[in-house]
Protein backbone atom coordinates (compact mmCIF):
# COMPACT_ATOMS: atom_id res chain seq x y z
CA MET A 1 0.11 0.20 -0.20
CA THR A 2 1.38 3.46 -1.03
CA THR A 3 1.89 6.25 1.44
CA GLU A 4 -0.84 8.21 -1.12
CA THR A 5 -3.57 5.05 -0.75
CA MET A 6 -3.34 4.68 2.84
CA THR A 7 -3.37 8.54 3.10
CA GLU A 8 -6.58 8.71 1.18
CA ALA A 9 -7.71 5.70 3.16
CA HIS A 10 -7.66 7.68 6.91
CA ALA A 11 -8.84 10.54 5.46
CA PRO A 12 -11.61 12.20 7.46
CA PRO A 13 -15.00 11.88 5.13
CA PRO A 14 -16.07 15.24 3.57
CA ARG A 15 -17.87 17.91 6.06
CA THR A 16 -21.43 17.79 5.45
CA ARG A 17 -22.71 21.51 4.72
CA SER A 18 -25.72 22.52 6.97
CA TRP A 19 -29.23 23.39 6.00
CA GLY A 20 -28.50 26.70 6.22
CA GLU A 21 -25.14 26.68 4.07
CA THR A 22 -26.45 24.59 1.28
CA ALA A 23 -29.14 26.82 0.95
CA VAL A 24 -26.60 29.82 0.39
CA LYS A 25 -24.34 27.64 -1.78
CA PHE A 26 -27.90 27.24 -4.03
CA ALA A 27 -28.24 31.06 -4.29
CA ASN A 28 -24.82 31.36 -5.33
CA ASP A 29 -25.23 28.72 -7.85
CA LEU A 30 -28.24 30.05 -9.61
CA ALA A 31 -26.09 33.47 -9.54
CA ALA A 32 -23.03 32.30 -11.05
CA GLU A 33 -22.46 33.30 -14.96
CA GLY A 34 -22.53 29.94 -16.09
CA PHE A 35 -26.09 28.52 -14.25
CA PRO A 36 -27.94 28.14 -17.69
CA ARG A 37 -30.87 30.91 -17.97
CA GLY A 38 -33.22 27.91 -19.06
CA ASP A 39 -32.50 25.96 -15.66
CA LEU A 40 -33.18 29.23 -13.62
CA ALA A 41 -36.29 29.78 -15.94
CA ALA A 42 -37.51 26.32 -14.94
CA LEU A 43 -36.91 26.47 -11.44
CA ARG A 44 -39.02 29.56 -11.26
CA ARG A 45 -41.79 28.05 -12.93
CA MET A 46 -41.58 24.97 -10.92
CA ASN A 47 -44.37 24.27 -8.75
CA PRO A 48 -42.80 23.36 -5.17
CA ASP A 49 -45.22 21.14 -4.63
CA ALA A 50 -44.47 18.81 -7.37
CA PRO A 51 -41.12 19.41 -8.22
CA ASP A 52 -40.47 18.55 -11.76
CA ALA A 53 -37.82 20.53 -13.04
CA ALA A 54 -34.18 18.30 -13.93
CA ALA A 55 -32.34 21.54 -12.56
CA PHE A 56 -33.76 20.90 -9.22
CA TRP A 57 -33.07 17.50 -9.03
CA ARG A 58 -29.19 17.94 -10.31
CA LEU A 59 -28.89 20.66 -7.41
CA MET A 60 -30.05 18.32 -5.12
CA ALA A 61 -27.64 15.57 -6.64
CA ARG A 62 -24.45 17.67 -6.65
CA ALA A 63 -25.22 18.80 -2.32
CA ASN A 64 -26.09 15.30 -1.95
CA VAL A 65 -29.04 15.75 -0.42
CA SER A 66 -31.31 12.86 0.20
CA ALA A 67 -34.52 13.41 1.93
CA ASN A 68 -38.01 11.81 1.80
CA PRO A 69 -40.72 13.75 -0.22
CA ALA A 70 -42.14 16.04 2.50
CA VAL A 71 -38.63 17.42 2.93
CA GLU A 72 -37.89 17.17 -0.78
CA ARG A 73 -40.54 19.65 -1.32
CA LYS A 74 -39.46 22.06 1.32
CA TRP A 75 -36.08 22.26 -0.84
CA ALA A 76 -38.10 22.69 -3.61
CA LEU A 77 -39.68 25.71 -2.34
CA VAL A 78 -36.25 26.82 -0.81
CA VAL A 79 -34.65 26.42 -4.35
CA HIS A 80 -38.03 28.15 -6.10
CA GLY A 81 -37.97 31.24 -3.69
CA ILE A 82 -33.91 32.02 -4.47
CA ALA A 83 -34.64 31.37 -8.33
CA ILE A 84 -37.68 34.02 -7.95
CA MET A 85 -35.31 36.24 -6.21
CA THR A 86 -32.15 36.10 -8.52
CA ARG A 87 -31.48 38.83 -10.27
CA THR A 88 -30.93 38.45 -14.39
CA ALA A 89 -30.05 42.05 -15.01
CA ASP A 90 -26.90 42.63 -12.95
CA ALA A 91 -23.38 41.70 -14.57
CA ASP A 92 -21.58 41.06 -11.19
CA PRO A 93 -22.41 37.53 -9.90
CA ALA A 94 -22.39 38.71 -6.25
CA SER A 95 -24.97 41.68 -7.10
CA ARG A 96 -27.19 38.45 -8.96
CA SER A 97 -27.43 36.44 -5.83
CA ALA A 98 -30.96 36.55 -4.10
CA HIS A 99 -28.60 35.81 -0.96
CA GLN A 100 -27.53 38.61 1.23
CA ARG A 101 -25.07 37.69 4.35
CA ASN A 102 -26.77 39.23 7.20
CA ALA A 103 -29.58 41.03 5.59
CA SER A 104 -32.24 40.69 8.26
CA ILE A 105 -35.79 39.27 6.62
CA GLY A 106 -37.55 41.46 9.06
CA ARG A 107 -36.11 44.30 7.74
CA ALA A 108 -36.25 43.66 4.11
CA LEU A 109 -39.83 42.87 4.58
CA TYR A 110 -40.72 46.01 6.29
CA HIS A 111 -37.92 48.25 3.85
CA GLY A 112 -38.96 46.33 0.67
CA GLY A 113 -35.82 47.43 -1.38
CA ASP A 114 -36.26 51.32 0.12
CA PRO A 115 -34.10 51.47 3.22
CA ALA A 116 -35.82 55.26 3.79
CA ARG A 117 -39.37 54.06 3.56
CA THR A 118 -41.34 55.24 6.25
CA SER A 119 -44.51 52.89 6.04
CA ALA A 120 -44.39 49.21 5.77
CA PHE A 121 -43.67 47.21 2.20
CA TYR A 122 -45.22 44.04 3.64
CA SER A 123 -48.02 44.92 5.93
CA PRO A 124 -47.88 44.00 9.27
CA SER A 125 -51.22 41.79 8.83
CA ARG A 126 -49.74 39.77 6.64
CA LEU A 127 -46.60 39.27 8.29
CA ASN A 128 -48.98 38.15 11.26
CA ARG A 129 -50.47 35.40 8.64
CA LEU A 130 -46.93 34.36 7.40
CA LEU A 131 -45.51 34.12 10.96
CA THR A 132 -48.65 32.07 12.31
CA ALA A 133 -49.30 29.93 9.23
CA ARG A 134 -48.05 26.43 9.28
CA GLY A 135 -47.96 23.33 6.66
CA PRO A 136 -49.47 24.33 3.27
CA ILE A 137 -50.59 27.83 3.96
CA LEU A 138 -47.38 28.42 4.93
CA ARG A 139 -46.08 27.40 2.14
CA THR A 140 -48.65 29.51 -0.43
CA LEU A 141 -47.53 32.60 1.39
CA LEU A 142 -43.99 32.44 1.24
CA ALA A 143 -44.16 31.81 -2.19
CA ARG A 144 -46.31 34.92 -2.28
CA MET A 145 -43.86 36.99 -0.22
CA PHE A 146 -40.70 35.75 -2.75
CA ARG A 147 -42.32 37.00 -5.68
CA MET A 148 -43.07 40.70 -3.79
CA VAL A 149 -39.96 41.32 -2.49
CA ALA A 150 -38.17 39.84 -5.96
CA ALA A 151 -40.23 42.76 -7.33
CA ALA A 152 -38.92 45.09 -4.80
CA ASP A 153 -35.64 44.31 -5.63
CA GLN A 154 -35.00 43.43 -2.36
CA ARG A 155 -32.68 40.43 -0.84
CA PHE A 156 -32.20 39.08 2.33
CA ASP A 157 -30.38 36.21 4.55
CA TRP A 158 -31.39 32.80 2.46
CA TYR A 159 -29.02 30.62 5.68
CA GLN A 160 -31.90 32.30 7.53
CA MET A 161 -35.12 31.36 5.52
CA ALA A 162 -34.13 27.70 4.83
CA LEU A 163 -33.89 27.20 8.09
CA LEU A 164 -37.36 28.52 8.66
CA VAL A 165 -38.59 26.57 5.47
CA LEU A 166 -37.16 23.26 6.53
CA ASN A 167 -37.55 23.26 10.63
CA GLU A 168 -41.16 23.86 10.28
CA GLY A 169 -43.03 20.98 11.31
CA HIS A 170 -39.97 19.62 11.96
CA ASP A 171 -38.48 21.23 15.03
CA GLU A 172 -40.82 23.90 16.03
CA GLN A 173 -38.67 25.24 18.76
CA ARG A 174 -35.98 26.46 16.08
CA ALA A 175 -38.94 27.27 13.71
CA ASP A 176 -40.33 29.55 16.51
CA LYS A 177 -37.01 31.36 17.07
CA ILE A 178 -36.61 32.41 13.29
CA ARG A 179 -40.51 33.77 13.50
CA ARG A 180 -39.54 35.78 16.49
CA HIS A 181 -36.09 37.14 15.10
CA ILE A 182 -38.23 38.18 11.62
CA ALA A 183 -41.39 39.78 14.18
CA ARG A 184 -38.41 41.64 16.44
CA ASP A 185 -36.81 43.06 13.49
CA TYR A 186 -39.51 43.97 11.29
CA PHE A 187 -40.79 45.98 14.03
CA GLN A 188 -37.61 47.44 14.97
CA ALA A 189 -37.31 48.46 11.56
CA GLU A 190 -41.09 50.10 12.03
CA ASN A 191 -39.92 51.79 15.01
CA GLN A 192 -36.91 53.73 13.55
CA ALA A 193 -39.39 54.83 10.63
CA GLU A 194 -41.70 56.24 12.91
CA ARG A 195 -39.02 57.98 15.04
CA SER A 196 -37.72 59.57 11.58
CA ARG A 197 -40.92 60.73 10.50
CA ASP A 198 -41.06 62.61 14.17
């Protein structure tokens, strides 16, 4: 046995990405220069409840995400949302990405692409429905929200959003923590906007 073979045999297995890291990788992949426009369009059109786009299954295979059908549908919603929010006009791949590190979802929903906004882009009643919804209703509301945010040319932290989608119905304690974080950031943004009006 050669030294090279022995080293390979004793090498630790590659580190598995967390759900959030995988979502960020998907966001970067979809924004990359070489990602086919046809695949991006297919992911935008894809019904997350019945994922049928070859591009989705290719992403899942490359990320080595093995899951049951319920979890696959959650990943399909994540990838669908990322595709919807991926910008196609920007020349810089970093600007095209739907993911903006540390960009609070709550603040993004309040400002909707305009940091000087003095009234909510995404209304408090919509936010309440989103944060109290579970199961299929949550999936529907999230898909609508992704379209609204994309239309406003707003980005946010997909690490956090993926954890909300994937933990919903699986680890409600973690999902609730993310919901509280979104609400807190949203209403802090509202409070700051109100103070700037005074």
